[in-house]
Amino acid sequence: MSKSKDLREAAVAYRLQEHTLRETSEVFGVSMRAVNSWVKQYQETGDLSNKPLNRGFKKIDPEKLKAYGKEHLDDTKQEMAEAFGCCNQ
C-alpha cells in the first residue's frame, strides 16, 4: 500500500535536512529503500505524487475479447483461443 503524499513529503524534507537514511526510516516507520526512492523521485521530478499504474494485458485485450464474445455467442473456448492466437488452457 502506498503511503500518503504528506508522509512522503515530510520524510523527504527530514532526509534533506541532513538526517541519515536510517534515522529517517525509523522516525517515519518506513523502509530505507522507500525513503531513498522518494528522495530520488523528488530530485528527478520535484513531485511526490503517486506514479500512474501501468497495467496492461498480457495476451488478449479485454475490450477485444468482450466485443468478440458479443459477436460470437456460440463459439467454444477452443475457437476463441484460435481466433486470438493462444492456447485454450
N, C-alpha and C. Protein backbone atom coordinates (compact mmCIF):
# COMPACT_ATOMS: atom_id res chain seq x y z
N MET A 1 0.85 -1.17 0.00
CA MET A 1 0.00 0.00 0.00
C MET A 1 0.89 1.23 0.00
N SER A 2 0.55 2.21 -0.80
CA SER A 2 1.38 3.41 -0.87
C SER A 2 1.08 4.31 0.32
N LYS A 3 2.08 5.04 0.72
CA LYS A 3 1.96 5.98 1.83
C LYS A 3 1.39 7.28 1.31
N SER A 4 0.84 8.08 2.22
CA SER A 4 0.23 9.33 1.80
C SER A 4 1.28 10.30 1.28
N LYS A 5 0.85 11.19 0.44
CA LYS A 5 1.76 12.18 -0.13
C LYS A 5 2.36 13.04 0.98
N ASP A 6 1.56 13.38 1.98
CA ASP A 6 2.04 14.19 3.10
C ASP A 6 3.18 13.49 3.83
N LEU A 7 3.04 12.19 4.07
CA LEU A 7 4.09 11.44 4.75
C LEU A 7 5.35 11.40 3.90
N ARG A 8 5.20 11.17 2.61
CA ARG A 8 6.36 11.13 1.72
C ARG A 8 7.08 12.48 1.71
N GLU A 9 6.30 13.57 1.64
CA GLU A 9 6.90 14.90 1.63
C GLU A 9 7.64 15.19 2.94
N ALA A 10 7.04 14.81 4.06
CA ALA A 10 7.67 15.04 5.36
C ALA A 10 8.96 14.23 5.48
N ALA A 11 8.93 12.98 5.04
CA ALA A 11 10.12 12.13 5.11
C ALA A 11 11.24 12.68 4.24
N VAL A 12 10.92 13.13 3.04
CA VAL A 12 11.94 13.68 2.15
C VAL A 12 12.51 14.96 2.74
N ALA A 13 11.66 15.82 3.26
CA ALA A 13 12.14 17.07 3.88
C ALA A 13 13.06 16.76 5.06
N TYR A 14 12.69 15.79 5.86
CA TYR A 14 13.50 15.39 7.01
C TYR A 14 14.85 14.85 6.54
N ARG A 15 14.82 14.01 5.53
CA ARG A 15 16.07 13.42 4.99
C ARG A 15 16.96 14.50 4.41
N LEU A 16 16.39 15.48 3.72
CA LEU A 16 17.17 16.54 3.09
C LEU A 16 17.73 17.53 4.11
N GLN A 17 17.29 17.44 5.37
CA GLN A 17 17.85 18.27 6.44
C GLN A 17 19.07 17.59 7.04
N GLU A 18 19.69 16.71 6.27
CA GLU A 18 20.92 16.02 6.61
C GLU A 18 20.78 14.99 7.73
N HIS A 19 19.58 14.45 7.89
CA HIS A 19 19.41 13.29 8.77
C HIS A 19 19.81 12.06 7.98
N THR A 20 20.27 11.05 8.67
CA THR A 20 20.70 9.84 7.97
C THR A 20 19.49 9.09 7.42
N LEU A 21 19.78 8.22 6.50
CA LEU A 21 18.74 7.39 5.91
C LEU A 21 18.09 6.52 6.99
N ARG A 22 18.91 5.96 7.87
CA ARG A 22 18.41 5.11 8.95
C ARG A 22 17.50 5.91 9.90
N GLU A 23 17.93 7.11 10.28
CA GLU A 23 17.12 7.95 11.17
C GLU A 23 15.76 8.25 10.54
N THR A 24 15.81 8.64 9.28
CA THR A 24 14.57 8.98 8.57
C THR A 24 13.64 7.77 8.52
N SER A 25 14.20 6.63 8.23
CA SER A 25 13.43 5.40 8.16
C SER A 25 12.76 5.09 9.49
N GLU A 26 13.50 5.21 10.57
CA GLU A 26 12.96 4.90 11.90
C GLU A 26 11.92 5.91 12.35
N VAL A 27 12.16 7.19 12.10
CA VAL A 27 11.21 8.24 12.52
C VAL A 27 9.87 8.08 11.82
N PHE A 28 9.90 7.76 10.54
CA PHE A 28 8.66 7.70 9.76
C PHE A 28 8.10 6.29 9.61
N GLY A 29 8.81 5.30 10.13
CA GLY A 29 8.30 3.93 10.12
C GLY A 29 8.18 3.32 8.74
N VAL A 30 9.12 3.67 7.88
CA VAL A 30 9.14 3.10 6.52
C VAL A 30 10.53 2.54 6.25
N SER A 31 10.67 1.79 5.20
CA SER A 31 11.96 1.19 4.87
C SER A 31 12.93 2.24 4.34
N MET A 32 14.21 1.95 4.48
CA MET A 32 15.23 2.85 3.93
C MET A 32 15.11 2.90 2.41
N ARG A 33 14.72 1.78 1.82
CA ARG A 33 14.55 1.73 0.37
C ARG A 33 13.45 2.70 -0.08
N ALA A 34 12.36 2.76 0.70
CA ALA A 34 11.25 3.67 0.35
C ALA A 34 11.73 5.11 0.43
N VAL A 35 12.43 5.45 1.49
CA VAL A 35 12.93 6.83 1.65
C VAL A 35 13.85 7.17 0.49
N ASN A 36 14.76 6.27 0.17
CA ASN A 36 15.68 6.50 -0.94
C ASN A 36 14.93 6.73 -2.25
N SER A 37 13.92 5.92 -2.48
CA SER A 37 13.11 6.02 -3.70
C SER A 37 12.40 7.37 -3.75
N TRP A 38 11.84 7.79 -2.63
CA TRP A 38 11.12 9.08 -2.60
C TRP A 38 12.05 10.25 -2.84
N VAL A 39 13.24 10.20 -2.22
CA VAL A 39 14.21 11.28 -2.41
C VAL A 39 14.61 11.35 -3.88
N LYS A 40 14.87 10.20 -4.47
CA LYS A 40 15.26 10.15 -5.89
C LYS A 40 14.14 10.71 -6.77
N GLN A 41 12.89 10.30 -6.50
CA GLN A 41 11.75 10.79 -7.27
C GLN A 41 11.63 12.30 -7.13
N TYR A 42 11.80 12.81 -5.92
CA TYR A 42 11.69 14.25 -5.68
C TYR A 42 12.79 15.01 -6.42
N GLN A 43 14.01 14.49 -6.39
CA GLN A 43 15.12 15.16 -7.05
C GLN A 43 14.97 15.13 -8.57
N GLU A 44 14.39 14.07 -9.11
CA GLU A 44 14.23 13.95 -10.57
C GLU A 44 13.03 14.72 -11.10
N THR A 45 11.93 14.73 -10.32
CA THR A 45 10.69 15.32 -10.85
C THR A 45 10.21 16.53 -10.08
N GLY A 46 10.66 16.68 -8.83
CA GLY A 46 10.18 17.78 -8.00
C GLY A 46 8.79 17.52 -7.45
N ASP A 47 8.29 16.30 -7.61
CA ASP A 47 6.94 15.96 -7.17
C ASP A 47 6.94 14.59 -6.52
N LEU A 48 6.07 14.41 -5.53
CA LEU A 48 5.98 13.12 -4.85
C LEU A 48 4.60 12.48 -5.00
N SER A 49 3.88 12.87 -6.03
CA SER A 49 2.59 12.25 -6.29
C SER A 49 2.78 10.79 -6.67
N ASN A 50 1.75 9.99 -6.46
CA ASN A 50 1.81 8.58 -6.86
C ASN A 50 2.04 8.49 -8.35
N LYS A 51 2.88 7.57 -8.74
CA LYS A 51 3.12 7.33 -10.16
C LYS A 51 1.90 6.62 -10.73
N PRO A 52 1.50 6.95 -11.95
CA PRO A 52 0.37 6.24 -12.55
C PRO A 52 0.70 4.77 -12.75
N LEU A 53 -0.28 3.93 -12.51
CA LEU A 53 -0.09 2.50 -12.71
C LEU A 53 -0.03 2.18 -14.19
N ASN A 54 0.86 1.29 -14.54
CA ASN A 54 0.99 0.89 -15.93
C ASN A 54 0.54 -0.57 -16.03
N ARG A 55 -0.75 -0.73 -16.11
CA ARG A 55 -1.31 -2.08 -16.18
C ARG A 55 -1.74 -2.38 -17.60
N GLY A 56 -1.15 -3.37 -18.15
CA GLY A 56 -1.51 -3.77 -19.50
C GLY A 56 -1.98 -5.21 -19.49
N PHE A 57 -2.51 -5.63 -20.57
CA PHE A 57 -2.94 -7.02 -20.69
C PHE A 57 -1.77 -7.84 -21.19
N LYS A 58 -1.80 -9.12 -20.87
CA LYS A 58 -0.67 -9.98 -21.23
C LYS A 58 -0.82 -10.52 -22.64
N LYS A 59 -1.94 -11.07 -22.97
CA LYS A 59 -2.10 -11.67 -24.29
C LYS A 59 -3.29 -11.11 -25.06
N ILE A 60 -4.40 -10.97 -24.37
CA ILE A 60 -5.63 -10.60 -25.06
C ILE A 60 -6.17 -9.30 -24.47
N ASP A 61 -6.44 -8.35 -25.34
CA ASP A 61 -7.05 -7.10 -24.92
C ASP A 61 -8.46 -7.40 -24.42
N PRO A 62 -8.78 -7.08 -23.16
CA PRO A 62 -10.10 -7.40 -22.62
C PRO A 62 -11.26 -6.80 -23.43
N GLU A 63 -11.07 -5.62 -23.98
CA GLU A 63 -12.13 -5.00 -24.76
C GLU A 63 -12.38 -5.77 -26.06
N LYS A 64 -11.31 -6.23 -26.69
CA LYS A 64 -11.47 -7.02 -27.92
C LYS A 64 -12.16 -8.35 -27.61
N LEU A 65 -11.82 -8.93 -26.47
CA LEU A 65 -12.44 -10.20 -26.07
C LEU A 65 -13.95 -10.01 -25.84
N LYS A 66 -14.33 -8.92 -25.17
CA LYS A 66 -15.76 -8.65 -24.94
C LYS A 66 -16.50 -8.48 -26.28
N ALA A 67 -15.89 -7.69 -27.17
CA ALA A 67 -16.51 -7.46 -28.47
C ALA A 67 -16.64 -8.77 -29.25
N TYR A 68 -15.60 -9.59 -29.21
CA TYR A 68 -15.64 -10.88 -29.90
C TYR A 68 -16.74 -11.75 -29.30
N GLY A 69 -16.84 -11.77 -27.97
CA GLY A 69 -17.85 -12.59 -27.30
C GLY A 69 -19.27 -12.19 -27.67
N LYS A 70 -19.49 -10.89 -27.84
CA LYS A 70 -20.84 -10.42 -28.21
C LYS A 70 -21.21 -10.84 -29.62
N GLU A 71 -20.22 -10.90 -30.51
CA GLU A 71 -20.49 -11.26 -31.90
C GLU A 71 -20.52 -12.77 -32.12
N HIS A 72 -19.83 -13.53 -31.30
CA HIS A 72 -19.71 -14.98 -31.49
C HIS A 72 -20.17 -15.70 -30.24
N LEU A 73 -21.45 -15.62 -29.96
CA LEU A 73 -22.01 -16.17 -28.72
C LEU A 73 -21.86 -17.68 -28.59
N ASP A 74 -21.84 -18.39 -29.70
CA ASP A 74 -21.82 -19.85 -29.65
C ASP A 74 -20.43 -20.46 -29.80
N ASP A 75 -19.38 -19.64 -29.86
CA ASP A 75 -18.03 -20.18 -30.02
C ASP A 75 -17.58 -20.91 -28.76
N THR A 76 -16.83 -21.97 -28.98
CA THR A 76 -16.24 -22.70 -27.85
C THR A 76 -14.95 -21.98 -27.43
N LYS A 77 -14.40 -22.41 -26.28
CA LYS A 77 -13.13 -21.84 -25.83
C LYS A 77 -12.03 -22.09 -26.86
N GLN A 78 -12.07 -23.26 -27.47
CA GLN A 78 -11.06 -23.61 -28.47
C GLN A 78 -11.14 -22.64 -29.66
N GLU A 79 -12.33 -22.36 -30.12
CA GLU A 79 -12.50 -21.44 -31.25
C GLU A 79 -12.06 -20.03 -30.88
N MET A 80 -12.35 -19.62 -29.66
CA MET A 80 -11.92 -18.29 -29.20
C MET A 80 -10.40 -18.22 -29.12
N ALA A 81 -9.80 -19.30 -28.61
CA ALA A 81 -8.33 -19.33 -28.50
C ALA A 81 -7.69 -19.24 -29.87
N GLU A 82 -8.25 -19.95 -30.84
CA GLU A 82 -7.71 -19.89 -32.21
C GLU A 82 -7.86 -18.50 -32.80
N ALA A 83 -8.99 -17.85 -32.52
CA ALA A 83 -9.23 -16.51 -33.04
C ALA A 83 -8.22 -15.50 -32.49
N PHE A 84 -7.77 -15.71 -31.26
CA PHE A 84 -6.83 -14.78 -30.63
C PHE A 84 -5.39 -15.28 -30.66
N GLY A 85 -5.16 -16.44 -31.26
CA GLY A 85 -3.81 -16.95 -31.40
C GLY A 85 -3.16 -17.38 -30.10
N CYS A 86 -3.94 -18.00 -29.23
CA CYS A 86 -3.38 -18.50 -27.97
C CYS A 86 -3.94 -19.89 -27.69
N CYS A 87 -3.47 -20.51 -26.61
CA CYS A 87 -3.94 -21.85 -26.31
C CYS A 87 -5.15 -21.82 -25.38
N ASN A 88 -5.84 -22.91 -25.29
CA ASN A 88 -7.09 -22.99 -24.56
C ASN A 88 -6.88 -23.68 -23.20
N GLN A 89 -5.99 -23.19 -22.39
CA GLN A 89 -5.75 -23.82 -21.08
C GLN A 89 -6.10 -22.89 -19.97
